[in-house]
């Protein structure tokens, strides 16, 4: 949503490194989508070991609120992008982001 897929990958890797199953699932999907099948298989194996159930952990996507693409520009100001000397740019959500997302999804 913020137009920075590398930022999403950064946070997914960070969270997956400590065993966050939804982050592992996101990495699995992203690697599979990108044709990185060896990496996708690694995350699939982790999820199978942990008996991950996407619908149970993530809910039914049909009922998930959707942000209209026309509103995406309203999200950008709520993401800081400080530079870290060792890992580069790290996208950080600012506190009002959740409130703004709730507002934007209620407009549909």
C-alpha atoms as a PDB file:
ATOM      1  CA  UNK A   1       0.000   0.000   0.000  1.00  0.00           C
ATOM      2  CA  UNK A   2       2.870   2.364   0.677  1.00  0.00           C
ATOM      3  CA  UNK A   3       4.370   1.717  -2.732  1.00  0.00           C
ATOM      4  CA  UNK A   4       7.470   0.112  -1.197  1.00  0.00           C
ATOM      5  CA  UNK A   5       7.460  -3.669  -1.427  1.00  0.00           C
ATOM      6  CA  UNK A   6      10.999  -3.823  -0.035  1.00  0.00           C
ATOM      7  CA  UNK A   7       9.643  -2.345   3.192  1.00  0.00           C
ATOM      8  CA  UNK A   8       7.060  -5.110   3.449  1.00  0.00           C
ATOM      9  CA  UNK A   9       9.733  -7.742   2.858  1.00  0.00           C
ATOM     10  CA  UNK A  10      11.921  -6.177   5.556  1.00  0.00           C
ATOM     11  CA  UNK A  11       9.187  -6.442   8.191  1.00  0.00           C
ATOM     12  CA  UNK A  12       8.087  -9.916   7.047  1.00  0.00           C
ATOM     13  CA  UNK A  13      11.680 -11.186   7.370  1.00  0.00           C
ATOM     14  CA  UNK A  14      12.068  -9.527  10.736  1.00  0.00           C
ATOM     15  CA  UNK A  15       8.855 -11.083  12.059  1.00  0.00           C
ATOM     16  CA  UNK A  16       9.406 -14.470  10.388  1.00  0.00           C
ATOM     17  CA  UNK A  17      12.829 -14.646  12.012  1.00  0.00           C
ATOM     18  CA  UNK A  18      11.122 -14.902  15.393  1.00  0.00           C
ATOM     19  CA  UNK A  19       8.523 -17.392  14.190  1.00  0.00           C
ATOM     20  CA  UNK A  20       5.568 -15.147  13.293  1.00  0.00           C
ATOM     21  CA  UNK A  21       3.474 -17.464  11.129  1.00  0.00           C
ATOM     22  CA  UNK A  22       1.579 -14.811   9.180  1.00  0.00           C
ATOM     23  CA  UNK A  23       4.898 -13.185   8.209  1.00  0.00           C
ATOM     24  CA  UNK A  24       6.194 -16.603   7.129  1.00  0.00           C
ATOM     25  CA  UNK A  25       3.047 -17.043   5.045  1.00  0.00           C
ATOM     26  CA  UNK A  26       3.548 -13.630   3.418  1.00  0.00           C
ATOM     27  CA  UNK A  27       7.137 -14.572   2.539  1.00  0.00           C
ATOM     28  CA  UNK A  28       5.960 -17.891   1.116  1.00  0.00           C
ATOM     29  CA  UNK A  29       3.412 -16.104  -1.096  1.00  0.00           C
ATOM     30  CA  UNK A  30       5.861 -13.411  -2.169  1.00  0.00           C
ATOM     31  CA  UNK A  31       8.622 -15.874  -3.099  1.00  0.00           C
ATOM     32  CA  UNK A  32       6.182 -18.128  -4.953  1.00  0.00           C
ATOM     33  CA  UNK A  33       4.787 -15.119  -6.852  1.00  0.00           C
ATOM     34  CA  UNK A  34       8.329 -14.012  -7.783  1.00  0.00           C
ATOM     35  CA  UNK A  35       9.313 -17.472  -9.022  1.00  0.00           C
ATOM     36  CA  UNK A  36      11.753 -17.985  -6.145  1.00  0.00           C
ATOM     37  CA  UNK A  37      10.597 -21.541  -5.563  1.00  0.00           C
ATOM     38  CA  UNK A  38      13.476 -22.679  -3.367  1.00  0.00           C
ATOM     39  CA  UNK A  39      12.798 -19.844  -0.895  1.00  0.00           C
ATOM     40  CA  UNK A  40       9.036 -20.390  -1.144  1.00  0.00           C
ATOM     41  CA  UNK A  41       9.557 -24.069  -0.335  1.00  0.00           C
ATOM     42  CA  UNK A  42      11.593 -23.146   2.759  1.00  0.00           C
ATOM     43  CA  UNK A  43       8.712 -21.070   4.153  1.00  0.00           C
ATOM     44  CA  UNK A  44       6.132 -23.685   3.099  1.00  0.00           C
ATOM     45  CA  UNK A  45       8.091 -26.306   5.045  1.00  0.00           C
ATOM     46  CA  UNK A  46       8.117 -24.060   8.123  1.00  0.00           C
ATOM     47  CA  UNK A  47       4.365 -23.521   7.872  1.00  0.00           C
ATOM     48  CA  UNK A  48       3.629 -27.236   7.430  1.00  0.00           C
ATOM     49  CA  UNK A  49       5.735 -28.046  10.512  1.00  0.00           C
ATOM     50  CA  UNK A  50       3.744 -25.519  12.517  1.00  0.00           C
ATOM     51  CA  UNK A  51       0.374 -26.748  11.144  1.00  0.00           C
ATOM     52  CA  UNK A  52      -0.406 -23.265   9.813  1.00  0.00           C
ATOM     53  CA  UNK A  53      -3.981 -22.711   8.643  1.00  0.00           C
ATOM     54  CA  UNK A  54      -4.265 -19.460   6.621  1.00  0.00           C
ATOM     55  CA  UNK A  55      -8.016 -19.077   7.028  1.00  0.00           C
ATOM     56  CA  UNK A  56      -7.824 -19.688  10.780  1.00  0.00           C
ATOM     57  CA  UNK A  57      -4.849 -17.347  11.343  1.00  0.00           C
ATOM     58  CA  UNK A  58      -5.716 -14.635   8.805  1.00  0.00           C
ATOM     59  CA  UNK A  59      -9.491 -14.892   8.624  1.00  0.00           C
ATOM     60  CA  UNK A  60     -11.663 -15.124   5.571  1.00  0.00           C
ATOM     61  CA  UNK A  61     -10.284 -12.665   3.014  1.00  0.00           C
ATOM     62  CA  UNK A  62     -13.767 -12.151   1.592  1.00  0.00           C
ATOM     63  CA  UNK A  63     -14.743 -10.183   4.716  1.00  0.00           C
ATOM     64  CA  UNK A  64     -11.484  -8.187   4.908  1.00  0.00           C
ATOM     65  CA  UNK A  65     -11.895  -4.445   4.425  1.00  0.00           C
ATOM     66  CA  UNK A  66     -10.409  -3.119   1.214  1.00  0.00           C
ATOM     67  CA  UNK A  67      -8.812   0.276   0.680  1.00  0.00           C
ATOM     68  CA  UNK A  68      -9.938   1.858  -2.561  1.00  0.00           C
ATOM     69  CA  UNK A  69      -6.841   2.427  -4.760  1.00  0.00           C
ATOM     70  CA  UNK A  70      -7.879   6.072  -5.100  1.00  0.00           C
ATOM     71  CA  UNK A  71      -7.230   6.500  -1.353  1.00  0.00           C
ATOM     72  CA  UNK A  72      -3.739   4.966  -1.281  1.00  0.00           C
ATOM     73  CA  UNK A  73      -2.067   8.394  -1.443  1.00  0.00           C
ATOM     74  CA  UNK A  74      -3.600   9.128   1.967  1.00  0.00           C
ATOM     75  CA  UNK A  75      -1.467   6.344   3.467  1.00  0.00           C
ATOM     76  CA  UNK A  76       1.951   7.668   2.350  1.00  0.00           C
ATOM     77  CA  UNK A  77       2.191  10.550   4.858  1.00  0.00           C
ATOM     78  CA  UNK A  78       1.733   8.062   7.710  1.00  0.00           C
ATOM     79  CA  UNK A  79       4.911   6.128   6.899  1.00  0.00           C
ATOM     80  CA  UNK A  80       8.313   7.436   7.963  1.00  0.00           C
ATOM     81  CA  UNK A  81      11.370   6.227   6.049  1.00  0.00           C
ATOM     82  CA  UNK A  82      14.434   6.784   8.246  1.00  0.00           C
ATOM     83  CA  UNK A  83      17.803   5.562   7.027  1.00  0.00           C
ATOM     84  CA  UNK A  84      19.699   3.089   9.196  1.00  0.00           C
ATOM     85  CA  UNK A  85      23.493   3.046   8.588  1.00  0.00           C
ATOM     86  CA  UNK A  86      23.668  -0.756   8.432  1.00  0.00           C
ATOM     87  CA  UNK A  87      20.383  -1.869   6.845  1.00  0.00           C
ATOM     88  CA  UNK A  88      19.303   1.112   4.768  1.00  0.00           C
ATOM     89  CA  UNK A  89      15.825   2.599   4.648  1.00  0.00           C
ATOM     90  CA  UNK A  90      13.391   1.156   7.173  1.00  0.00           C
ATOM     91  CA  UNK A  91       9.717   2.049   6.610  1.00  0.00           C
ATOM     92  CA  UNK A  92       8.041   2.748   9.948  1.00  0.00           C
ATOM     93  CA  UNK A  93       4.316   3.325  10.369  1.00  0.00           C
ATOM     94  CA  UNK A  94       3.442   6.436  12.324  1.00  0.00           C
ATOM     95  CA  UNK A  95       0.804   6.112  15.078  1.00  0.00           C
ATOM     96  CA  UNK A  96      -2.087   7.685  13.096  1.00  0.00           C
ATOM     97  CA  UNK A  97      -1.795   5.015  10.356  1.00  0.00           C
ATOM     98  CA  UNK A  98      -4.262   2.566  11.940  1.00  0.00           C
ATOM     99  CA  UNK A  99      -6.844   5.309  12.474  1.00  0.00           C
ATOM    100  CA  UNK A 100      -6.410   6.459   8.867  1.00  0.00           C
ATOM    101  CA  UNK A 101      -6.808   2.901   7.539  1.00  0.00           C
ATOM    102  CA  UNK A 102      -9.977   2.421   9.566  1.00  0.00           C
ATOM    103  CA  UNK A 103     -11.303   5.692   8.163  1.00  0.00           C
ATOM    104  CA  UNK A 104     -10.390   4.803   4.560  1.00  0.00           C
ATOM    105  CA  UNK A 105     -11.935   1.322   4.732  1.00  0.00           C
ATOM    106  CA  UNK A 106     -15.137   2.747   6.190  1.00  0.00           C
ATOM    107  CA  UNK A 107     -15.605   4.959   3.109  1.00  0.00           C
ATOM    108  CA  UNK A 108     -16.343   1.998   0.839  1.00  0.00           C
END
